[in-house]
């Protein structure tokens, strides 16, 4: 039996059809798409049990600079795509 490979971007159509998509800056759009893929392998991003990933962990997962990722995450929190949980974040729109 042939194993299925992970298809990155499977959430793209749903995310891009969300009404909030047009209101986000490009950096936040990119972060949202990448976070949906990361959430497939990092369940604590979808439903944190108390140890929600923080800015540093998310920057490492996205291979991004924390100073550049912070405004994108702030925009996602403003549009209620991400929710602050403790010192970290939870992906609300998946």
PDB file of N, CA and C in Angstrom:
ATOM      1  N   UNK A   1       0.844  -1.176   0.000  1.00  0.00           N
ATOM      2  CA  UNK A   1       0.000   0.000   0.000  1.00  0.00           C
ATOM      3  C   UNK A   1       0.892   1.242   0.000  1.00  0.00           C
ATOM      4  N   UNK A   2       0.537   2.179  -0.796  1.00  0.00           N
ATOM      5  CA  UNK A   2       1.322   3.401  -0.934  1.00  0.00           C
ATOM      6  C   UNK A   2       0.887   4.424   0.121  1.00  0.00           C
ATOM      7  N   UNK A   3       1.849   4.964   0.848  1.00  0.00           N
ATOM      8  CA  UNK A   3       1.519   5.959   1.869  1.00  0.00           C
ATOM      9  C   UNK A   3       1.305   7.324   1.223  1.00  0.00           C
ATOM     10  N   UNK A   4       0.365   8.036   1.786  1.00  0.00           N
ATOM     11  CA  UNK A   4       0.093   9.371   1.251  1.00  0.00           C
ATOM     12  C   UNK A   4       1.080  10.370   1.828  1.00  0.00           C
ATOM     13  N   UNK A   5       1.599  11.218   0.972  1.00  0.00           N
ATOM     14  CA  UNK A   5       2.498  12.270   1.444  1.00  0.00           C
ATOM     15  C   UNK A   5       1.676  13.456   1.925  1.00  0.00           C
ATOM     16  N   UNK A   6       2.261  14.210   2.827  1.00  0.00           N
ATOM     17  CA  UNK A   6       1.589  15.408   3.331  1.00  0.00           C
ATOM     18  C   UNK A   6       1.478  16.433   2.210  1.00  0.00           C
ATOM     19  N   UNK A   7       0.287  16.949   2.047  1.00  0.00           N
ATOM     20  CA  UNK A   7       0.067  17.989   1.041  1.00  0.00           C
ATOM     21  C   UNK A   7      -0.021  19.321   1.769  1.00  0.00           C
ATOM     22  N   UNK A   8       0.980  20.132   1.610  1.00  0.00           N
ATOM     23  CA  UNK A   8       0.956  21.439   2.253  1.00  0.00           C
ATOM     24  C   UNK A   8       0.010  22.362   1.503  1.00  0.00           C
ATOM     25  N   UNK A   9      -0.676  23.183   2.237  1.00  0.00           N
ATOM     26  CA  UNK A   9      -1.592  24.138   1.636  1.00  0.00           C
ATOM     27  C   UNK A   9      -3.006  23.610   1.455  1.00  0.00           C
ATOM     28  N   UNK A  10      -3.359  22.493   2.076  1.00  0.00           N
ATOM     29  CA  UNK A  10      -4.704  21.949   1.912  1.00  0.00           C
ATOM     30  C   UNK A  10      -5.768  22.871   2.509  1.00  0.00           C
ATOM     31  N   UNK A  11      -5.392  23.745   3.419  1.00  0.00           N
ATOM     32  CA  UNK A  11      -6.346  24.656   4.043  1.00  0.00           C
ATOM     33  C   UNK A  11      -6.456  25.989   3.295  1.00  0.00           C
ATOM     34  N   UNK A  12      -5.681  26.169   2.261  1.00  0.00           N
ATOM     35  CA  UNK A  12      -5.582  27.468   1.591  1.00  0.00           C
ATOM     36  C   UNK A  12      -6.922  27.953   1.051  1.00  0.00           C
ATOM     37  N   UNK A  13      -7.688  27.097   0.409  1.00  0.00           N
ATOM     38  CA  UNK A  13      -8.966  27.526  -0.172  1.00  0.00           C
ATOM     39  C   UNK A  13      -9.923  28.016   0.917  1.00  0.00           C
ATOM     40  N   UNK A  14      -9.997  27.306   2.024  1.00  0.00           N
ATOM     41  CA  UNK A  14     -10.890  27.720   3.113  1.00  0.00           C
ATOM     42  C   UNK A  14     -10.426  29.034   3.736  1.00  0.00           C
ATOM     43  N   UNK A  15      -9.124  29.160   3.942  1.00  0.00           N
ATOM     44  CA  UNK A  15      -8.590  30.377   4.555  1.00  0.00           C
ATOM     45  C   UNK A  15      -8.781  31.570   3.621  1.00  0.00           C
ATOM     46  N   UNK A  16      -8.492  31.385   2.362  1.00  0.00           N
ATOM     47  CA  UNK A  16      -8.574  32.507   1.423  1.00  0.00           C
ATOM     48  C   UNK A  16     -10.014  32.906   1.109  1.00  0.00           C
ATOM     49  N   UNK A  17     -10.974  32.064   1.384  1.00  0.00           N
ATOM     50  CA  UNK A  17     -12.369  32.439   1.166  1.00  0.00           C
ATOM     51  C   UNK A  17     -12.994  33.068   2.409  1.00  0.00           C
ATOM     52  N   UNK A  18     -12.254  33.097   3.513  1.00  0.00           N
ATOM     53  CA  UNK A  18     -12.730  33.726   4.740  1.00  0.00           C
ATOM     54  C   UNK A  18     -12.851  35.236   4.519  1.00  0.00           C
ATOM     55  N   UNK A  19     -13.902  35.830   5.033  1.00  0.00           N
ATOM     56  CA  UNK A  19     -14.141  37.268   4.814  1.00  0.00           C
ATOM     57  C   UNK A  19     -13.062  38.156   5.423  1.00  0.00           C
ATOM     58  N   UNK A  20     -12.344  37.642   6.428  1.00  0.00           N
ATOM     59  CA  UNK A  20     -11.284  38.434   7.062  1.00  0.00           C
ATOM     60  C   UNK A  20     -10.024  38.514   6.215  1.00  0.00           C
ATOM     61  N   UNK A  21      -9.891  37.639   5.228  1.00  0.00           N
ATOM     62  CA  UNK A  21      -8.681  37.545   4.407  1.00  0.00           C
ATOM     63  C   UNK A  21      -8.342  38.889   3.766  1.00  0.00           C
ATOM     64  N   UNK A  22      -9.327  39.574   3.200  1.00  0.00           N
ATOM     65  CA  UNK A  22      -9.088  40.828   2.498  1.00  0.00           C
ATOM     66  C   UNK A  22      -8.654  41.966   3.420  1.00  0.00           C
ATOM     67  N   UNK A  23      -8.966  41.838   4.688  1.00  0.00           N
ATOM     68  CA  UNK A  23      -8.659  42.899   5.652  1.00  0.00           C
ATOM     69  C   UNK A  23      -7.253  42.801   6.235  1.00  0.00           C
ATOM     70  N   UNK A  24      -6.535  41.729   5.918  1.00  0.00           N
ATOM     71  CA  UNK A  24      -5.231  41.489   6.527  1.00  0.00           C
ATOM     72  C   UNK A  24      -4.090  41.985   5.646  1.00  0.00           C
ATOM     73  N   UNK A  25      -3.007  42.457   6.267  1.00  0.00           N
ATOM     74  CA  UNK A  25      -1.807  42.777   5.495  1.00  0.00           C
ATOM     75  C   UNK A  25      -1.179  41.489   4.955  1.00  0.00           C
ATOM     76  N   UNK A  26      -0.330  41.621   3.962  1.00  0.00           N
ATOM     77  CA  UNK A  26       0.275  40.453   3.318  1.00  0.00           C
ATOM     78  C   UNK A  26       1.034  39.559   4.287  1.00  0.00           C
ATOM     79  N   UNK A  27       1.737  40.157   5.232  1.00  0.00           N
ATOM     80  CA  UNK A  27       2.496  39.341   6.188  1.00  0.00           C
ATOM     81  C   UNK A  27       1.566  38.484   7.045  1.00  0.00           C
ATOM     82  N   UNK A  28       0.424  39.040   7.432  1.00  0.00           N
ATOM     83  CA  UNK A  28      -0.533  38.282   8.232  1.00  0.00           C
ATOM     84  C   UNK A  28      -1.193  37.186   7.400  1.00  0.00           C
ATOM     85  N   UNK A  29      -1.450  37.457   6.132  1.00  0.00           N
ATOM     86  CA  UNK A  29      -2.008  36.434   5.247  1.00  0.00           C
ATOM     87  C   UNK A  29      -1.051  35.253   5.127  1.00  0.00           C
ATOM     88  N   UNK A  30       0.201  35.565   4.911  1.00  0.00           N
ATOM     89  CA  UNK A  30       1.207  34.516   4.786  1.00  0.00           C
ATOM     90  C   UNK A  30       1.322  33.710   6.074  1.00  0.00           C
ATOM     91  N   UNK A  31       1.344  34.395   7.204  1.00  0.00           N
ATOM     92  CA  UNK A  31       1.450  33.712   8.495  1.00  0.00           C
ATOM     93  C   UNK A  31       0.238  32.817   8.730  1.00  0.00           C
ATOM     94  N   UNK A  32      -0.952  33.285   8.373  1.00  0.00           N
ATOM     95  CA  UNK A  32      -2.164  32.502   8.571  1.00  0.00           C
ATOM     96  C   UNK A  32      -2.109  31.205   7.762  1.00  0.00           C
ATOM     97  N   UNK A  33      -1.729  31.307   6.506  1.00  0.00           N
ATOM     98  CA  UNK A  33      -1.625  30.107   5.669  1.00  0.00           C
ATOM     99  C   UNK A  33      -0.600  29.125   6.231  1.00  0.00           C
ATOM    100  N   UNK A  34       0.542  29.640   6.631  1.00  0.00           N
ATOM    101  CA  UNK A  34       1.585  28.766   7.158  1.00  0.00           C
ATOM    102  C   UNK A  34       1.185  28.164   8.500  1.00  0.00           C
ATOM    103  N   UNK A  35       0.498  28.928   9.334  1.00  0.00           N
ATOM    104  CA  UNK A  35       0.083  28.422  10.639  1.00  0.00           C
ATOM    105  C   UNK A  35      -0.945  27.294  10.517  1.00  0.00           C
ATOM    106  N   UNK A  36      -1.791  27.340   9.491  1.00  0.00           N
ATOM    107  CA  UNK A  36      -2.748  26.244   9.314  1.00  0.00           C
ATOM    108  C   UNK A  36      -2.024  24.948   8.973  1.00  0.00           C
ATOM    109  N   UNK A  37      -0.949  25.036   8.200  1.00  0.00           N
ATOM    110  CA  UNK A  37      -0.162  23.842   7.902  1.00  0.00           C
ATOM    111  C   UNK A  37       0.603  23.359   9.133  1.00  0.00           C
ATOM    112  N   UNK A  38       1.160  24.295   9.882  1.00  0.00           N
ATOM    113  CA  UNK A  38       1.903  23.938  11.096  1.00  0.00           C
ATOM    114  C   UNK A  38       0.962  23.308  12.127  1.00  0.00           C
ATOM    115  N   UNK A  39      -0.279  23.778  12.184  1.00  0.00           N
ATOM    116  CA  UNK A  39      -1.239  23.260  13.159  1.00  0.00           C
ATOM    117  C   UNK A  39      -1.587  21.796  12.910  1.00  0.00           C
ATOM    118  N   UNK A  40      -1.378  21.317  11.694  1.00  0.00           N
ATOM    119  CA  UNK A  40      -1.619  19.895  11.420  1.00  0.00           C
ATOM    120  C   UNK A  40      -0.652  18.996  12.188  1.00  0.00           C
ATOM    121  N   UNK A  41       0.546  19.474  12.420  1.00  0.00           N
ATOM    122  CA  UNK A  41       1.548  18.675  13.130  1.00  0.00           C
ATOM    123  C   UNK A  41       1.820  19.189  14.538  1.00  0.00           C
ATOM    124  N   UNK A  42       1.229  20.330  14.896  1.00  0.00           N
ATOM    125  CA  UNK A  42       1.406  20.926  16.226  1.00  0.00           C
ATOM    126  C   UNK A  42       0.015  21.149  16.829  1.00  0.00           C
ATOM    127  N   UNK A  43      -0.588  20.095  17.378  1.00  0.00           N
ATOM    128  CA  UNK A  43      -1.955  20.225  17.885  1.00  0.00           C
ATOM    129  C   UNK A  43      -2.121  21.258  18.993  1.00  0.00           C
ATOM    130  N   UNK A  44      -1.058  21.574  19.694  1.00  0.00           N
ATOM    131  CA  UNK A  44      -1.174  22.587  20.757  1.00  0.00           C
ATOM    132  C   UNK A  44      -1.466  23.976  20.208  1.00  0.00           C
ATOM    133  N   UNK A  45      -1.295  24.177  18.913  1.00  0.00           N
ATOM    134  CA  UNK A  45      -1.633  25.454  18.280  1.00  0.00           C
ATOM    135  C   UNK A  45      -3.145  25.549  18.063  1.00  0.00           C
ATOM    136  N   UNK A  46      -3.799  24.419  17.840  1.00  0.00           N
ATOM    137  CA  UNK A  46      -5.256  24.404  17.641  1.00  0.00           C
ATOM    138  C   UNK A  46      -6.008  24.425  18.957  1.00  0.00           C
ATOM    139  N   UNK A  47      -5.579  23.631  19.902  1.00  0.00           N
ATOM    140  CA  UNK A  47      -6.270  23.535  21.183  1.00  0.00           C
ATOM    141  C   UNK A  47      -5.234  23.410  22.288  1.00  0.00           C
ATOM    142  N   UNK A  48      -4.635  24.515  22.681  1.00  0.00           N
ATOM    143  CA  UNK A  48      -3.578  24.446  23.697  1.00  0.00           C
ATOM    144  C   UNK A  48      -4.106  23.974  25.036  1.00  0.00           C
ATOM    145  N   UNK A  49      -3.301  23.172  25.676  1.00  0.00           N
ATOM    146  CA  UNK A  49      -3.677  22.645  26.990  1.00  0.00           C
ATOM    147  C   UNK A  49      -3.095  23.491  28.115  1.00  0.00           C
ATOM    148  N   UNK A  50      -2.594  24.620  27.819  1.00  0.00           N
ATOM    149  CA  UNK A  50      -1.984  25.471  28.831  1.00  0.00           C
ATOM    150  C   UNK A  50      -0.585  25.882  28.428  1.00  0.00           C
ATOM    151  N   UNK A  51       0.012  25.121  27.554  1.00  0.00           N
ATOM    152  CA  UNK A  51       1.348  25.432  27.064  1.00  0.00           C
ATOM    153  C   UNK A  51       1.249  25.856  25.602  1.00  0.00           C
ATOM    154  N   UNK A  52       0.527  26.950  25.349  1.00  0.00           N
ATOM    155  CA  UNK A  52       0.325  27.445  23.991  1.00  0.00           C
ATOM    156  C   UNK A  52       1.646  27.972  23.432  1.00  0.00           C
ATOM    157  N   UNK A  53       1.892  27.738  22.138  1.00  0.00           N
ATOM    158  CA  UNK A  53       3.131  28.234  21.542  1.00  0.00           C
ATOM    159  C   UNK A  53       3.173  29.764  21.558  1.00  0.00           C
ATOM    160  N   UNK A  54       4.317  30.303  21.956  1.00  0.00           N
ATOM    161  CA  UNK A  54       4.469  31.753  22.017  1.00  0.00           C
ATOM    162  C   UNK A  54       5.121  32.267  20.732  1.00  0.00           C
ATOM    163  N   UNK A  55       5.430  33.548  20.708  1.00  0.00           N
ATOM    164  CA  UNK A  55       6.005  34.193  19.529  1.00  0.00           C
ATOM    165  C   UNK A  55       7.299  33.529  19.087  1.00  0.00           C
ATOM    166  N   UNK A  56       8.163  33.195  20.007  1.00  0.00           N
ATOM    167  CA  UNK A  56       9.458  32.600  19.666  1.00  0.00           C
ATOM    168  C   UNK A  56       9.278  31.220  19.035  1.00  0.00           C
ATOM    169  N   UNK A  57       8.388  30.422  19.609  1.00  0.00           N
ATOM    170  CA  UNK A  57       8.133  29.076  19.063  1.00  0.00           C
ATOM    171  C   UNK A  57       7.511  29.174  17.677  1.00  0.00           C
ATOM    172  N   UNK A  58       6.555  30.082  17.506  1.00  0.00           N
ATOM    173  CA  UNK A  58       5.932  30.247  16.196  1.00  0.00           C
ATOM    174  C   UNK A  58       6.921  30.776  15.165  1.00  0.00           C
ATOM    175  N   UNK A  59       7.773  31.695  15.568  1.00  0.00           N
ATOM    176  CA  UNK A  59       8.787  32.210  14.642  1.00  0.00           C
ATOM    177  C   UNK A  59       9.733  31.099  14.211  1.00  0.00           C
ATOM    178  N   UNK A  60      10.100  30.240  15.137  1.00  0.00           N
ATOM    179  CA  UNK A  60      10.968  29.113  14.796  1.00  0.00           C
ATOM    180  C   UNK A  60      10.252  28.152  13.852  1.00  0.00           C
ATOM    181  N   UNK A  61       8.980  27.883  14.096  1.00  0.00           N
ATOM    182  CA  UNK A  61       8.211  26.962  13.249  1.00  0.00           C
ATOM    183  C   UNK A  61       8.014  27.507  11.844  1.00  0.00           C
ATOM    184  N   UNK A  62       7.914  28.837  11.726  1.00  0.00           N
ATOM    185  CA  UNK A  62       7.724  29.462  10.417  1.00  0.00           C
ATOM    186  C   UNK A  62       9.029  29.930   9.786  1.00  0.00           C
ATOM    187  N   UNK A  63      10.136  29.707  10.483  1.00  0.00           N
ATOM    188  CA  UNK A  63      11.449  30.170  10.017  1.00  0.00           C
ATOM    189  C   UNK A  63      11.408  31.670   9.730  1.00  0.00           C
ATOM    190  N   UNK A  64      10.875  32.407  10.687  1.00  0.00           N
ATOM    191  CA  UNK A  64      10.719  33.853  10.539  1.00  0.00           C
ATOM    192  C   UNK A  64      11.449  34.578  11.663  1.00  0.00           C
ATOM    193  N   UNK A  65      11.662  35.850  11.456  1.00  0.00           N
ATOM    194  CA  UNK A  65      12.255  36.719  12.463  1.00  0.00           C
ATOM    195  C   UNK A  65      11.137  37.185  13.395  1.00  0.00           C
ATOM    196  N   UNK A  66      11.374  37.158  14.693  1.00  0.00           N
ATOM    197  CA  UNK A  66      10.337  37.536  15.647  1.00  0.00           C
ATOM    198  C   UNK A  66       9.887  38.982  15.481  1.00  0.00           C
ATOM    199  N   UNK A  67      10.814  39.873  15.148  1.00  0.00           N
ATOM    200  CA  UNK A  67      10.454  41.283  14.955  1.00  0.00           C
ATOM    201  C   UNK A  67       9.543  41.471  13.748  1.00  0.00           C
ATOM    202  N   UNK A  68       9.687  40.628  12.743  1.00  0.00           N
ATOM    203  CA  UNK A  68       8.842  40.721  11.555  1.00  0.00           C
ATOM    204  C   UNK A  68       7.525  39.974  11.735  1.00  0.00           C
ATOM    205  N   UNK A  69       7.519  38.938  12.551  1.00  0.00           N
ATOM    206  CA  UNK A  69       6.316  38.147  12.754  1.00  0.00           C
ATOM    207  C   UNK A  69       5.346  38.812  13.728  1.00  0.00           C
ATOM    208  N   UNK A  70       5.855  39.575  14.688  1.00  0.00           N
ATOM    209  CA  UNK A  70       5.001  40.191  15.716  1.00  0.00           C
ATOM    210  C   UNK A  70       3.863  41.034  15.119  1.00  0.00           C
ATOM    211  N   UNK A  71       4.114  41.941  14.156  1.00  0.00           N
ATOM    212  CA  UNK A  71       2.986  42.714  13.591  1.00  0.00           C
ATOM    213  C   UNK A  71       1.969  41.833  12.863  1.00  0.00           C
ATOM    214  N   UNK A  72       2.437  40.763  12.241  1.00  0.00           N
ATOM    215  CA  UNK A  72       1.513  39.844  11.562  1.00  0.00           C
ATOM    216  C   UNK A  72       0.614  39.148  12.573  1.00  0.00           C
ATOM    217  N   UNK A  73       1.194  38.691  13.672  1.00  0.00           N
ATOM    218  CA  UNK A  73       0.397  38.038  14.707  1.00  0.00           C
ATOM    219  C   UNK A  73      -0.568  39.019  15.359  1.00  0.00           C
ATOM    220  N   UNK A  74      -0.135  40.261  15.547  1.00  0.00           N
ATOM    221  CA  UNK A  74      -1.022  41.283  16.111  1.00  0.00           C
ATOM    222  C   UNK A  74      -2.234  41.506  15.206  1.00  0.00           C
ATOM    223  N   UNK A  75      -2.015  41.530  13.893  1.00  0.00           N
ATOM    224  CA  UNK A  75      -3.116  41.697  12.941  1.00  0.00           C
ATOM    225  C   UNK A  75      -4.053  40.497  12.985  1.00  0.00           C
ATOM    226  N   UNK A  76      -3.503  39.295  13.142  1.00  0.00           N
ATOM    227  CA  UNK A  76      -4.335  38.095  13.231  1.00  0.00           C
ATOM    228  C   UNK A  76      -5.143  38.063  14.522  1.00  0.00           C
ATOM    229  N   UNK A  77      -4.581  38.562  15.602  1.00  0.00           N
ATOM    230  CA  UNK A  77      -5.323  38.652  16.866  1.00  0.00           C
ATOM    231  C   UNK A  77      -6.431  39.689  16.739  1.00  0.00           C
ATOM    232  N   UNK A  78      -6.144  40.809  16.095  1.00  0.00           N
ATOM    233  CA  UNK A  78      -7.134  41.868  15.910  1.00  0.00           C
ATOM    234  C   UNK A  78      -8.344  41.365  15.124  1.00  0.00           C
ATOM    235  N   UNK A  79      -8.117  40.525  14.130  1.00  0.00           N
ATOM    236  CA  UNK A  79      -9.198  39.984  13.290  1.00  0.00           C
ATOM    237  C   UNK A  79      -9.769  38.672  13.835  1.00  0.00           C
ATOM    238  N   UNK A  80      -9.338  38.285  15.024  1.00  0.00           N
ATOM    239  CA  UNK A  80      -9.815  37.093  15.721  1.00  0.00           C
ATOM    240  C   UNK A  80      -9.532  35.801  14.965  1.00  0.00           C
ATOM    241  N   UNK A  81      -8.389  35.753  14.296  1.00  0.00           N
ATOM    242  CA  UNK A  81      -7.900  34.523  13.684  1.00  0.00           C
ATOM    243  C   UNK A  81      -7.080  33.764  14.718  1.00  0.00           C
ATOM    244  N   UNK A  82      -6.305  34.500  15.505  1.00  0.00           N
ATOM    245  CA  UNK A  82      -5.548  33.952  16.629  1.00  0.00           C
ATOM    246  C   UNK A  82      -6.144  34.491  17.922  1.00  0.00           C
ATOM    247  N   UNK A  83      -6.048  33.697  18.961  1.00  0.00           N
ATOM    248  CA  UNK A  83      -6.491  34.146  20.282  1.00  0.00           C
ATOM    249  C   UNK A  83      -5.323  34.027  21.242  1.00  0.00           C
ATOM    250  N   UNK A  84      -5.043  35.078  22.010  1.00  0.00           N
ATOM    251  CA  UNK A  84      -4.001  34.971  23.024  1.00  0.00           C
ATOM    252  C   UNK A  84      -4.435  34.011  24.135  1.00  0.00           C
ATOM    253  N   UNK A  85      -3.537  33.099  24.479  1.00  0.00           N
ATOM    254  CA  UNK A  85      -3.786  32.135  25.553  1.00  0.00           C
ATOM    255  C   UNK A  85      -2.555  32.150  26.443  1.00  0.00           C
ATOM    256  N   UNK A  86      -2.703  32.710  27.630  1.00  0.00           N
ATOM    257  CA  UNK A  86      -1.548  32.838  28.512  1.00  0.00           C
ATOM    258  C   UNK A  86      -0.486  33.703  27.847  1.00  0.00           C
ATOM    259  N   UNK A  87       0.700  33.134  27.681  1.00  0.00           N
ATOM    260  CA  UNK A  87       1.790  33.869  27.009  1.00  0.00           C
ATOM    261  C   UNK A  87       1.898  33.481  25.541  1.00  0.00           C
ATOM    262  N   UNK A  88       1.009  32.593  25.074  1.00  0.00           N
ATOM    263  CA  UNK A  88       1.079  32.095  23.706  1.00  0.00           C
ATOM    264  C   UNK A  88      -0.163  32.437  22.899  1.00  0.00           C
ATOM    265  N   UNK A  89      -0.388  31.643  21.826  1.00  0.00           N
ATOM    266  CA  UNK A  89      -1.492  31.894  20.924  1.00  0.00           C
ATOM    267  C   UNK A  89      -2.185  30.581  20.570  1.00  0.00           C
ATOM    268  N   UNK A  90      -3.471  30.690  20.240  1.00  0.00           N
ATOM    269  CA  UNK A  90      -4.259  29.573  19.754  1.00  0.00           C
ATOM    270  C   UNK A  90      -4.865  29.979  18.413  1.00  0.00           C
ATOM    271  N   UNK A  91      -4.816  29.109  17.444  1.00  0.00           N
ATOM    272  CA  UNK A  91      -5.381  29.367  16.123  1.00  0.00           C
ATOM    273  C   UNK A  91      -6.886  29.107  16.189  1.00  0.00           C
ATOM    274  N   UNK A  92      -7.681  30.179  16.079  1.00  0.00           N
ATOM    275  CA  UNK A  92      -9.132  30.046  16.154  1.00  0.00           C
ATOM    276  C   UNK A  92      -9.724  29.676  14.798  1.00  0.00           C
ATOM    277  N   UNK A  93      -9.220  30.281  13.731  1.00  0.00           N
ATOM    278  CA  UNK A  93      -9.722  30.039  12.377  1.00  0.00           C
ATOM    279  C   UNK A  93      -8.779  29.073  11.695  1.00  0.00           C
ATOM    280  N   UNK A  94      -9.261  27.874  11.466  1.00  0.00           N
ATOM    281  CA  UNK A  94      -8.393  26.808  10.988  1.00  0.00           C
ATOM    282  C   UNK A  94      -8.873  26.296   9.666  1.00  0.00           C
TER     283      UNK A  94
END
